[in-house]
Amino acid sequence: MNAQSPRNQASLRMAEPAELEGAWTVAVTGEASCRIDLRSTRVEAAYAYALGDESGCLAALAGAPVAGWRPAPDGIEIAAADRRTLLMFADQGDGTALAATARGAARLARLPA
């Protein structure tokens, strides 16, 4: 139990989907990077937002089909159709996010507009 008063507790600000929408790159150390597009169109069944992944790199990293993405207080989650979180990209505070995968650490970074 936390003994601090509520006003002394810090909370993480969750980004709005429109703030994260756009082109991103995913890279695993020693492998080629791939481009994904985070979109703000809802995928209600997956409790997520649509994403574009023409190369299928996220599904390959997750080991399962990907249905969408969703913002999280500490980063970006990649979601399955049954609403499970397949990958959690944790915000690194420098504009990138990292996820642990079977192939190693995957880095997510926004592409310049």
C-alpha atoms as a PDB file:
ATOM      1  CA  MET A   1       0.000   0.000   0.000  1.00  0.00           C
ATOM      2  CA  ASN A   2       1.291   3.454  -0.870  1.00  0.00           C
ATOM      3  CA  ALA A   3       1.281   5.832   2.114  1.00  0.00           C
ATOM      4  CA  GLN A   4       1.662   8.991   0.008  1.00  0.00           C
ATOM      5  CA  SER A   5      -1.254  11.334  -0.403  1.00  0.00           C
ATOM      6  CA  PRO A   6      -2.849  11.352  -3.881  1.00  0.00           C
ATOM      7  CA  ARG A   7      -1.501  14.806  -4.697  1.00  0.00           C
ATOM      8  CA  ASN A   8       2.097  13.582  -4.124  1.00  0.00           C
ATOM      9  CA  GLN A   9       1.723  10.637  -6.499  1.00  0.00           C
ATOM     10  CA  ALA A  10       2.875  11.134 -10.063  1.00  0.00           C
ATOM     11  CA  SER A  11       0.839   9.643 -12.854  1.00  0.00           C
ATOM     12  CA  LEU A  12       1.869   8.916 -16.400  1.00  0.00           C
ATOM     13  CA  ARG A  13       0.114  10.842 -19.150  1.00  0.00           C
ATOM     14  CA  MET A  14      -1.262   8.564 -21.850  1.00  0.00           C
ATOM     15  CA  ALA A  15      -0.840   9.972 -25.361  1.00  0.00           C
ATOM     16  CA  GLU A  16      -3.885  10.440 -27.547  1.00  0.00           C
ATOM     17  CA  PRO A  17      -3.981   8.265 -30.692  1.00  0.00           C
ATOM     18  CA  ALA A  18      -3.802  11.358 -32.928  1.00  0.00           C
ATOM     19  CA  GLU A  19      -0.473  12.294 -31.278  1.00  0.00           C
ATOM     20  CA  LEU A  20       1.039   8.911 -32.201  1.00  0.00           C
ATOM     21  CA  GLU A  21      -0.545   8.537 -35.637  1.00  0.00           C
ATOM     22  CA  GLY A  22       1.894   8.383 -38.530  1.00  0.00           C
ATOM     23  CA  ALA A  23       4.885   6.506 -39.923  1.00  0.00           C
ATOM     24  CA  TRP A  24       7.198   4.622 -37.560  1.00  0.00           C
ATOM     25  CA  THR A  25      10.115   2.253 -37.987  1.00  0.00           C
ATOM     26  CA  VAL A  26      10.684  -0.988 -36.085  1.00  0.00           C
ATOM     27  CA  ALA A  27      14.211  -2.376 -35.841  1.00  0.00           C
ATOM     28  CA  VAL A  28      15.774  -5.358 -34.093  1.00  0.00           C
ATOM     29  CA  THR A  29      19.536  -5.156 -33.540  1.00  0.00           C
ATOM     30  CA  GLY A  30      21.375  -6.746 -36.460  1.00  0.00           C
ATOM     31  CA  GLU A  31      18.283  -6.948 -38.684  1.00  0.00           C
ATOM     32  CA  ALA A  32      16.765  -4.706 -41.332  1.00  0.00           C
ATOM     33  CA  SER A  33      14.164  -2.247 -40.095  1.00  0.00           C
ATOM     34  CA  CYS A  34      10.588  -2.114 -41.337  1.00  0.00           C
ATOM     35  CA  ARG A  35       8.008   0.636 -41.600  1.00  0.00           C
ATOM     36  CA  ILE A  36       4.634   0.590 -39.884  1.00  0.00           C
ATOM     37  CA  ASP A  37       1.847   3.172 -39.927  1.00  0.00           C
ATOM     38  CA  LEU A  38      -0.133   3.882 -36.774  1.00  0.00           C
ATOM     39  CA  ARG A  39      -3.639   5.052 -37.649  1.00  0.00           C
ATOM     40  CA  SER A  40      -6.382   6.625 -35.543  1.00  0.00           C
ATOM     41  CA  THR A  41      -9.206   4.489 -36.970  1.00  0.00           C
ATOM     42  CA  ARG A  42     -10.781   2.346 -34.218  1.00  0.00           C
ATOM     43  CA  VAL A  43     -10.749  -1.453 -34.401  1.00  0.00           C
ATOM     44  CA  GLU A  44     -13.493  -2.020 -31.827  1.00  0.00           C
ATOM     45  CA  ALA A  45     -13.243  -5.833 -31.728  1.00  0.00           C
ATOM     46  CA  ALA A  46      -9.575  -5.614 -30.715  1.00  0.00           C
ATOM     47  CA  TYR A  47     -10.029  -2.576 -28.456  1.00  0.00           C
ATOM     48  CA  ALA A  48      -7.303  -0.937 -30.523  1.00  0.00           C
ATOM     49  CA  TYR A  49      -6.544   1.347 -33.456  1.00  0.00           C
ATOM     50  CA  ALA A  50      -5.675   0.294 -36.995  1.00  0.00           C
ATOM     51  CA  LEU A  51      -2.120  -0.048 -38.171  1.00  0.00           C
ATOM     52  CA  GLY A  52      -0.420  -0.640 -41.484  1.00  0.00           C
ATOM     53  CA  ASP A  53       2.278  -3.314 -41.575  1.00  0.00           C
ATOM     54  CA  GLU A  54       2.679  -4.342 -45.218  1.00  0.00           C
ATOM     55  CA  SER A  55       5.840  -6.333 -44.534  1.00  0.00           C
ATOM     56  CA  GLY A  56       4.293  -8.299 -41.658  1.00  0.00           C
ATOM     57  CA  CYS A  57       7.254  -7.517 -39.403  1.00  0.00           C
ATOM     58  CA  LEU A  58       5.161  -6.947 -36.262  1.00  0.00           C
ATOM     59  CA  ALA A  59       3.389 -10.296 -36.652  1.00  0.00           C
ATOM     60  CA  ALA A  60       6.790 -11.944 -37.138  1.00  0.00           C
ATOM     61  CA  LEU A  61       8.133 -10.266 -33.976  1.00  0.00           C
ATOM     62  CA  ALA A  62       5.010 -11.062 -31.957  1.00  0.00           C
ATOM     63  CA  GLY A  63       4.676 -14.606 -33.242  1.00  0.00           C
ATOM     64  CA  ALA A  64       0.956 -14.031 -33.869  1.00  0.00           C
ATOM     65  CA  PRO A  65      -1.346 -12.021 -36.151  1.00  0.00           C
ATOM     66  CA  VAL A  66      -1.581  -8.340 -35.217  1.00  0.00           C
ATOM     67  CA  ALA A  67      -4.968  -6.578 -35.157  1.00  0.00           C
ATOM     68  CA  GLY A  68      -3.938  -3.079 -34.096  1.00  0.00           C
ATOM     69  CA  TRP A  69      -2.216  -0.856 -31.568  1.00  0.00           C
ATOM     70  CA  ARG A  70      -3.223   1.175 -28.538  1.00  0.00           C
ATOM     71  CA  PRO A  71      -1.586   3.867 -26.437  1.00  0.00           C
ATOM     72  CA  ALA A  72      -0.546   2.857 -22.940  1.00  0.00           C
ATOM     73  CA  PRO A  73       0.551   5.045 -20.018  1.00  0.00           C
ATOM     74  CA  ASP A  74       4.164   3.961 -20.524  1.00  0.00           C
ATOM     75  CA  GLY A  75       4.301   3.402 -24.289  1.00  0.00           C
ATOM     76  CA  ILE A  76       2.512   1.643 -27.146  1.00  0.00           C
ATOM     77  CA  GLU A  77       0.892  -1.797 -27.083  1.00  0.00           C
ATOM     78  CA  ILE A  78       0.512  -4.018 -30.148  1.00  0.00           C
ATOM     79  CA  ALA A  79      -2.766  -5.933 -29.895  1.00  0.00           C
ATOM     80  CA  ALA A  80      -4.197  -9.239 -31.105  1.00  0.00           C
ATOM     81  CA  ALA A  81      -7.776  -9.618 -32.368  1.00  0.00           C
ATOM     82  CA  ASP A  82      -8.792 -11.090 -28.985  1.00  0.00           C
ATOM     83  CA  ARG A  83      -7.527  -7.898 -27.241  1.00  0.00           C
ATOM     84  CA  ARG A  84      -4.372  -9.504 -25.821  1.00  0.00           C
ATOM     85  CA  THR A  85      -1.233  -7.378 -25.768  1.00  0.00           C
ATOM     86  CA  LEU A  86       1.298  -9.079 -28.040  1.00  0.00           C
ATOM     87  CA  LEU A  87       4.122  -6.552 -27.665  1.00  0.00           C
ATOM     88  CA  MET A  88       4.633  -3.673 -25.260  1.00  0.00           C
ATOM     89  CA  PHE A  89       6.897  -0.924 -26.557  1.00  0.00           C
ATOM     90  CA  ALA A  90       8.037   0.964 -23.443  1.00  0.00           C
ATOM     91  CA  ASP A  91       8.719   4.680 -23.863  1.00  0.00           C
ATOM     92  CA  GLN A  92      12.427   5.448 -23.439  1.00  0.00           C
ATOM     93  CA  GLY A  93      11.988   9.205 -23.006  1.00  0.00           C
ATOM     94  CA  ASP A  94      13.967  10.015 -26.152  1.00  0.00           C
ATOM     95  CA  GLY A  95      11.248   9.569 -28.788  1.00  0.00           C
ATOM     96  CA  THR A  96      11.813   5.831 -29.058  1.00  0.00           C
ATOM     97  CA  ALA A  97      10.282   2.793 -27.385  1.00  0.00           C
ATOM     98  CA  LEU A  98      11.658  -0.709 -26.723  1.00  0.00           C
ATOM     99  CA  ALA A  99       9.964  -4.109 -26.654  1.00  0.00           C
ATOM    100  CA  ALA A 100      11.423  -7.465 -25.659  1.00  0.00           C
ATOM    101  CA  THR A 101      10.923 -10.121 -28.347  1.00  0.00           C
ATOM    102  CA  ALA A 102      12.200 -13.652 -28.929  1.00  0.00           C
ATOM    103  CA  ARG A 103      14.575 -12.158 -31.532  1.00  0.00           C
ATOM    104  CA  GLY A 104      15.946  -9.497 -29.181  1.00  0.00           C
ATOM    105  CA  ALA A 105      15.068  -5.934 -28.290  1.00  0.00           C
ATOM    106  CA  ALA A 106      12.930  -4.175 -30.884  1.00  0.00           C
ATOM    107  CA  ARG A 107      13.146  -0.379 -31.142  1.00  0.00           C
ATOM    108  CA  LEU A 108      10.204   1.696 -32.323  1.00  0.00           C
ATOM    109  CA  ALA A 109      10.925   5.220 -33.606  1.00  0.00           C
ATOM    110  CA  ARG A 110       8.835   7.819 -35.407  1.00  0.00           C
ATOM    111  CA  LEU A 111       9.931   8.571 -38.956  1.00  0.00           C
ATOM    112  CA  PRO A 112      10.435  12.248 -39.830  1.00  0.00           C
ATOM    113  CA  ALA A 113       7.428  13.832 -41.518  1.00  0.00           C
END
